[in-house]
N, C-alpha and C. Protein backbone atom coordinates (compact mmCIF):
# COMPACT_ATOMS: atom_id res chain seq x y z
N MET A 1 51.18 -60.76 68.39
CA MET A 1 49.88 -61.07 68.91
C MET A 1 49.07 -61.77 67.82
N LYS A 2 48.50 -62.93 68.13
CA LYS A 2 47.76 -63.70 67.14
C LYS A 2 46.29 -63.29 67.17
N THR A 3 45.78 -62.89 66.00
CA THR A 3 44.44 -62.34 65.90
C THR A 3 43.54 -63.22 65.05
N LEU A 4 42.32 -63.44 65.52
CA LEU A 4 41.28 -64.13 64.76
C LEU A 4 40.34 -63.06 64.21
N TYR A 5 40.21 -62.98 62.89
CA TYR A 5 39.36 -61.98 62.25
C TYR A 5 38.02 -62.60 61.88
N LEU A 6 36.93 -61.97 62.32
CA LEU A 6 35.59 -62.49 62.05
C LEU A 6 34.65 -61.38 61.60
N PRO A 7 34.04 -61.49 60.42
CA PRO A 7 33.00 -60.54 60.03
C PRO A 7 31.68 -60.95 60.68
N LEU A 8 30.87 -59.97 61.04
CA LEU A 8 29.58 -60.23 61.69
C LEU A 8 28.45 -59.50 60.99
N LYS A 9 27.25 -60.05 61.11
CA LYS A 9 26.06 -59.35 60.65
C LYS A 9 25.72 -58.27 61.67
N LYS A 10 24.92 -57.30 61.24
CA LYS A 10 24.58 -56.14 62.05
C LYS A 10 24.09 -56.50 63.45
N GLU A 11 23.13 -57.40 63.54
CA GLU A 11 22.52 -57.76 64.83
C GLU A 11 23.55 -58.25 65.84
N TRP A 12 24.43 -59.15 65.43
CA TRP A 12 25.42 -59.73 66.35
C TRP A 12 26.53 -58.72 66.66
N TYR A 13 26.92 -57.94 65.68
CA TYR A 13 27.94 -56.91 65.91
C TYR A 13 27.47 -55.92 66.98
N GLU A 14 26.24 -55.46 66.83
CA GLU A 14 25.72 -54.47 67.77
C GLU A 14 25.51 -55.05 69.17
N MET A 15 25.14 -56.32 69.29
CA MET A 15 25.00 -56.96 70.61
C MET A 15 26.35 -57.07 71.30
N ILE A 16 27.39 -57.43 70.55
CA ILE A 16 28.74 -57.52 71.13
C ILE A 16 29.23 -56.13 71.50
N GLU A 17 29.01 -55.17 70.62
CA GLU A 17 29.44 -53.79 70.86
C GLU A 17 28.78 -53.21 72.13
N ALA A 18 27.53 -53.58 72.37
CA ALA A 18 26.80 -53.09 73.55
C ALA A 18 27.16 -53.86 74.82
N GLY A 19 27.94 -54.93 74.69
CA GLY A 19 28.34 -55.70 75.85
C GLY A 19 27.34 -56.76 76.28
N ILE A 20 26.34 -57.03 75.44
CA ILE A 20 25.31 -58.02 75.76
C ILE A 20 25.80 -59.43 75.46
N LYS A 21 26.35 -59.61 74.29
CA LYS A 21 26.80 -60.93 73.82
C LYS A 21 28.26 -61.12 74.17
N LYS A 22 28.58 -62.20 74.91
CA LYS A 22 29.94 -62.44 75.41
C LYS A 22 30.65 -63.61 74.72
N GLU A 23 30.02 -64.15 73.69
CA GLU A 23 30.65 -65.23 72.93
C GLU A 23 30.13 -65.21 71.51
N GLU A 24 30.93 -65.73 70.61
CA GLU A 24 30.56 -65.79 69.20
C GLU A 24 30.59 -67.25 68.77
N TYR A 25 29.74 -67.62 67.83
CA TYR A 25 29.59 -69.01 67.41
C TYR A 25 29.98 -69.18 65.94
N ARG A 26 30.58 -70.33 65.68
CA ARG A 26 30.88 -70.71 64.31
C ARG A 26 30.51 -72.16 64.13
N GLU A 27 29.96 -72.48 62.97
CA GLU A 27 29.50 -73.83 62.67
C GLU A 27 30.64 -74.84 62.76
N GLU A 28 30.33 -76.01 63.26
CA GLU A 28 31.33 -77.08 63.33
C GLU A 28 31.37 -77.71 61.94
N SER A 29 32.30 -77.24 61.12
CA SER A 29 32.43 -77.68 59.73
C SER A 29 33.91 -77.87 59.41
N PRO A 30 34.23 -78.53 58.31
CA PRO A 30 35.65 -78.69 57.95
C PRO A 30 36.39 -77.36 57.85
N TYR A 31 35.74 -76.32 57.33
CA TYR A 31 36.39 -75.01 57.20
C TYR A 31 36.80 -74.47 58.57
N TRP A 32 35.85 -74.48 59.53
CA TRP A 32 36.15 -73.93 60.85
C TRP A 32 37.05 -74.85 61.66
N ARG A 33 37.00 -76.17 61.41
CA ARG A 33 37.96 -77.07 62.08
C ARG A 33 39.38 -76.68 61.70
N ARG A 34 39.62 -76.44 60.41
CA ARG A 34 40.97 -76.08 59.96
C ARG A 34 41.41 -74.75 60.57
N ARG A 35 40.49 -73.82 60.73
CA ARG A 35 40.86 -72.50 61.27
C ARG A 35 41.02 -72.50 62.78
N LEU A 36 40.28 -73.34 63.50
CA LEU A 36 40.24 -73.24 64.95
C LEU A 36 40.91 -74.38 65.71
N ILE A 37 41.10 -75.53 65.07
CA ILE A 37 41.68 -76.69 65.77
C ILE A 37 43.06 -77.00 65.21
N GLU A 38 44.00 -77.26 66.12
CA GLU A 38 45.34 -77.71 65.69
C GLU A 38 45.34 -79.21 65.49
N CYS A 39 44.82 -79.93 66.48
CA CYS A 39 44.86 -81.38 66.36
C CYS A 39 43.68 -82.00 67.11
N TYR A 40 43.07 -82.98 66.47
CA TYR A 40 42.00 -83.75 67.08
C TYR A 40 42.09 -85.14 66.44
N ALA A 41 43.06 -85.92 66.93
CA ALA A 41 43.40 -87.19 66.30
C ALA A 41 42.25 -88.18 66.27
N ALA A 42 41.35 -88.10 67.25
CA ALA A 42 40.23 -89.04 67.29
C ALA A 42 39.37 -88.94 66.02
N PHE A 43 39.37 -87.79 65.37
CA PHE A 43 38.59 -87.60 64.15
C PHE A 43 39.48 -87.34 62.94
N ASN A 44 40.76 -87.61 63.07
CA ASN A 44 41.73 -87.42 61.98
C ASN A 44 41.78 -85.98 61.48
N TRP A 45 41.61 -85.01 62.38
CA TRP A 45 41.76 -83.60 62.02
C TRP A 45 43.06 -83.15 62.62
N CYS A 46 44.02 -82.85 61.82
CA CYS A 46 45.29 -82.41 62.37
C CYS A 46 45.94 -81.41 61.43
N ASN A 47 46.31 -80.25 61.96
CA ASN A 47 47.02 -79.23 61.20
C ASN A 47 48.45 -79.08 61.68
N MET A 48 48.83 -79.84 62.71
CA MET A 48 50.18 -79.72 63.26
C MET A 48 51.16 -80.52 62.42
N ARG A 49 52.31 -79.94 62.17
CA ARG A 49 53.34 -80.61 61.38
C ARG A 49 54.63 -80.68 62.17
N GLY A 50 55.32 -81.78 62.00
CA GLY A 50 56.61 -81.94 62.65
C GLY A 50 57.70 -81.21 61.88
N PHE A 51 58.93 -81.36 62.35
CA PHE A 51 60.06 -80.71 61.69
C PHE A 51 60.28 -81.22 60.27
N ASP A 52 59.84 -82.46 60.01
CA ASP A 52 60.00 -83.03 58.67
C ASP A 52 58.86 -82.62 57.72
N GLY A 53 57.88 -81.84 58.22
CA GLY A 53 56.80 -81.36 57.37
C GLY A 53 55.60 -82.27 57.30
N ARG A 54 55.68 -83.45 57.93
CA ARG A 54 54.55 -84.38 57.91
C ARG A 54 53.58 -84.07 59.05
N LEU A 55 52.32 -84.45 58.85
CA LEU A 55 51.35 -84.29 59.92
C LEU A 55 51.75 -85.17 61.09
N CYS A 56 51.36 -84.80 62.30
CA CYS A 56 51.83 -85.45 63.51
C CYS A 56 51.42 -86.91 63.60
N GLY A 57 50.32 -87.31 63.00
CA GLY A 57 49.92 -88.70 63.05
C GLY A 57 49.07 -89.05 64.27
N GLY A 58 48.70 -88.08 65.04
CA GLY A 58 47.82 -88.34 66.17
C GLY A 58 48.47 -88.00 67.50
N CYS A 59 48.07 -86.91 68.08
CA CYS A 59 48.70 -86.51 69.34
C CYS A 59 47.70 -86.30 70.46
N SER A 60 46.41 -86.27 70.16
CA SER A 60 45.46 -86.07 71.25
C SER A 60 44.09 -86.62 70.89
N VAL A 61 43.35 -87.02 71.91
CA VAL A 61 42.00 -87.51 71.72
C VAL A 61 41.03 -86.34 71.81
N ARG A 62 41.31 -85.40 72.71
CA ARG A 62 40.50 -84.19 72.84
C ARG A 62 41.07 -83.13 71.91
N PRO A 63 40.21 -82.24 71.39
CA PRO A 63 40.73 -81.24 70.46
C PRO A 63 41.71 -80.28 71.11
N LYS A 64 42.76 -79.98 70.39
CA LYS A 64 43.72 -78.96 70.81
C LYS A 64 43.43 -77.75 69.94
N PHE A 65 42.86 -76.70 70.57
CA PHE A 65 42.46 -75.53 69.82
C PHE A 65 43.64 -74.59 69.59
N ARG A 66 43.59 -73.89 68.48
CA ARG A 66 44.59 -72.86 68.21
C ARG A 66 44.43 -71.76 69.26
N ARG A 67 45.53 -71.12 69.60
CA ARG A 67 45.50 -70.05 70.59
C ARG A 67 45.49 -68.70 69.90
N PHE A 68 44.50 -67.91 70.23
CA PHE A 68 44.40 -66.55 69.70
C PHE A 68 44.44 -65.60 70.88
N ASP A 69 45.18 -64.50 70.73
CA ASP A 69 45.25 -63.48 71.78
C ASP A 69 44.02 -62.58 71.73
N VAL A 70 43.62 -62.21 70.53
CA VAL A 70 42.50 -61.29 70.36
C VAL A 70 41.59 -61.74 69.22
N VAL A 71 40.33 -61.26 69.28
CA VAL A 71 39.37 -61.47 68.20
C VAL A 71 38.99 -60.10 67.68
N CYS A 72 39.15 -59.91 66.37
CA CYS A 72 38.81 -58.64 65.74
C CYS A 72 37.54 -58.85 64.91
N PHE A 73 36.47 -58.18 65.32
CA PHE A 73 35.20 -58.27 64.61
C PHE A 73 35.05 -57.09 63.66
N SER A 74 34.54 -57.38 62.48
CA SER A 74 34.21 -56.29 61.55
C SER A 74 32.71 -56.31 61.29
N TYR A 75 32.17 -55.15 61.04
CA TYR A 75 30.76 -54.99 60.72
C TYR A 75 30.60 -55.37 59.26
N GLY A 76 30.25 -56.62 59.03
CA GLY A 76 30.24 -57.14 57.66
C GLY A 76 31.64 -57.09 57.10
N TYR A 77 31.79 -56.55 55.91
CA TYR A 77 33.11 -56.41 55.31
C TYR A 77 33.47 -54.94 55.17
N THR A 78 33.08 -54.15 56.19
CA THR A 78 33.40 -52.73 56.20
C THR A 78 34.65 -52.48 57.04
N LYS A 79 35.05 -51.22 57.17
CA LYS A 79 36.21 -50.87 58.00
C LYS A 79 35.85 -50.69 59.47
N ARG A 80 34.57 -50.74 59.80
CA ARG A 80 34.12 -50.60 61.19
C ARG A 80 34.52 -51.87 61.95
N ARG A 81 35.37 -51.71 62.98
CA ARG A 81 35.92 -52.86 63.70
C ARG A 81 35.95 -52.64 65.20
N MET A 82 36.04 -53.76 65.94
CA MET A 82 36.28 -53.73 67.37
C MET A 82 37.07 -54.97 67.73
N THR A 83 37.88 -54.87 68.79
CA THR A 83 38.77 -55.95 69.17
C THR A 83 38.54 -56.33 70.63
N PHE A 84 38.52 -57.64 70.88
CA PHE A 84 38.32 -58.18 72.22
C PHE A 84 39.40 -59.21 72.54
N GLU A 85 39.66 -59.40 73.84
CA GLU A 85 40.51 -60.49 74.28
C GLU A 85 39.82 -61.80 73.90
N CYS A 86 40.61 -62.82 73.56
CA CYS A 86 40.07 -64.14 73.30
C CYS A 86 40.31 -64.99 74.54
N LYS A 87 39.25 -65.41 75.20
CA LYS A 87 39.35 -66.19 76.44
C LYS A 87 39.35 -67.69 76.17
N GLY A 88 39.32 -68.09 74.92
CA GLY A 88 39.38 -69.51 74.60
C GLY A 88 38.29 -69.93 73.64
N ILE A 89 38.44 -71.15 73.15
CA ILE A 89 37.50 -71.73 72.19
C ILE A 89 37.10 -73.10 72.72
N THR A 90 35.82 -73.42 72.63
CA THR A 90 35.32 -74.73 73.02
C THR A 90 34.32 -75.21 71.98
N ILE A 91 33.87 -76.43 72.13
CA ILE A 91 32.79 -76.96 71.31
C ILE A 91 31.63 -77.26 72.25
N GLY A 92 30.43 -76.81 71.90
CA GLY A 92 29.28 -77.06 72.75
C GLY A 92 28.04 -76.39 72.22
N HIS A 93 27.05 -76.28 73.12
CA HIS A 93 25.79 -75.63 72.78
C HIS A 93 25.82 -74.21 73.32
N GLY A 94 25.55 -73.26 72.47
CA GLY A 94 25.53 -71.85 72.87
C GLY A 94 24.13 -71.40 73.23
N ARG A 95 23.99 -70.12 73.42
CA ARG A 95 22.71 -69.52 73.79
C ARG A 95 21.93 -69.15 72.53
N PRO A 96 20.73 -69.71 72.35
CA PRO A 96 19.94 -69.43 71.15
C PRO A 96 19.63 -67.95 70.95
N GLU A 97 19.43 -67.21 72.05
CA GLU A 97 19.12 -65.78 71.93
C GLU A 97 20.32 -64.98 71.42
N TRP A 98 21.49 -65.59 71.44
CA TRP A 98 22.70 -64.96 70.91
C TRP A 98 23.06 -65.51 69.53
N GLY A 99 22.17 -66.27 68.92
CA GLY A 99 22.39 -66.75 67.56
C GLY A 99 22.94 -68.15 67.44
N ALA A 100 23.06 -68.88 68.54
CA ALA A 100 23.59 -70.24 68.47
C ALA A 100 22.52 -71.19 67.93
N PRO A 101 22.90 -72.10 67.06
CA PRO A 101 21.94 -73.10 66.58
C PRO A 101 21.66 -74.14 67.67
N ASP A 102 20.76 -75.08 67.42
CA ASP A 102 20.40 -76.07 68.42
C ASP A 102 21.28 -77.33 68.36
N TYR A 103 22.44 -77.22 67.74
CA TYR A 103 23.40 -78.32 67.71
C TYR A 103 24.78 -77.78 68.14
N LYS A 104 25.73 -78.68 68.32
CA LYS A 104 27.05 -78.26 68.80
C LYS A 104 27.76 -77.37 67.78
N THR A 105 28.40 -76.34 68.30
CA THR A 105 29.14 -75.39 67.47
C THR A 105 30.44 -75.02 68.19
N PHE A 106 31.30 -74.31 67.47
CA PHE A 106 32.47 -73.73 68.12
C PHE A 106 32.01 -72.49 68.87
N ILE A 107 32.46 -72.36 70.11
CA ILE A 107 32.13 -71.18 70.93
C ILE A 107 33.42 -70.42 71.19
N ILE A 108 33.47 -69.19 70.73
CA ILE A 108 34.63 -68.33 70.93
C ILE A 108 34.28 -67.38 72.07
N LYS A 109 34.96 -67.54 73.20
CA LYS A 109 34.65 -66.76 74.40
C LYS A 109 35.42 -65.46 74.39
N LEU A 110 34.70 -64.37 74.70
CA LEU A 110 35.29 -63.03 74.63
C LEU A 110 35.58 -62.49 76.02
N GLY A 111 36.69 -61.74 76.12
CA GLY A 111 37.06 -61.06 77.35
C GLY A 111 36.75 -59.58 77.23
N ASP A 112 37.65 -58.77 77.75
CA ASP A 112 37.48 -57.32 77.73
C ASP A 112 37.67 -56.75 76.33
N ARG A 113 36.98 -55.65 76.08
CA ARG A 113 37.16 -54.94 74.82
C ARG A 113 38.47 -54.16 74.86
N LEU A 114 39.24 -54.28 73.79
CA LEU A 114 40.53 -53.61 73.70
C LEU A 114 40.45 -52.34 72.84
N GLN A 115 39.70 -52.37 71.76
CA GLN A 115 39.53 -51.21 70.87
C GLN A 115 38.11 -51.13 70.40
């Protein structure tokens, strides 16, 4: 099972734990592109490698996101954790009341709580 590990601040952790917040946001930056996208040839972002070890050289115009089965949230960097199904990742505008900025970000959609 492929897991995405994300530390959260108190406010967002408690909202997700209470079932209020159903998605988590991450800034659209080179760091998060490498972690969340496999290939986005239109912008020369590609983490996919062929059998020869070279980057694919361009396989899609729309982003191909990495597939995660679950998202494991930690309360900061403590041992307090909870796990949710990962329903997918998109790029867009999130809900400001849930901590989304006013520009496009990665949106990690959450399913049912597992632990």
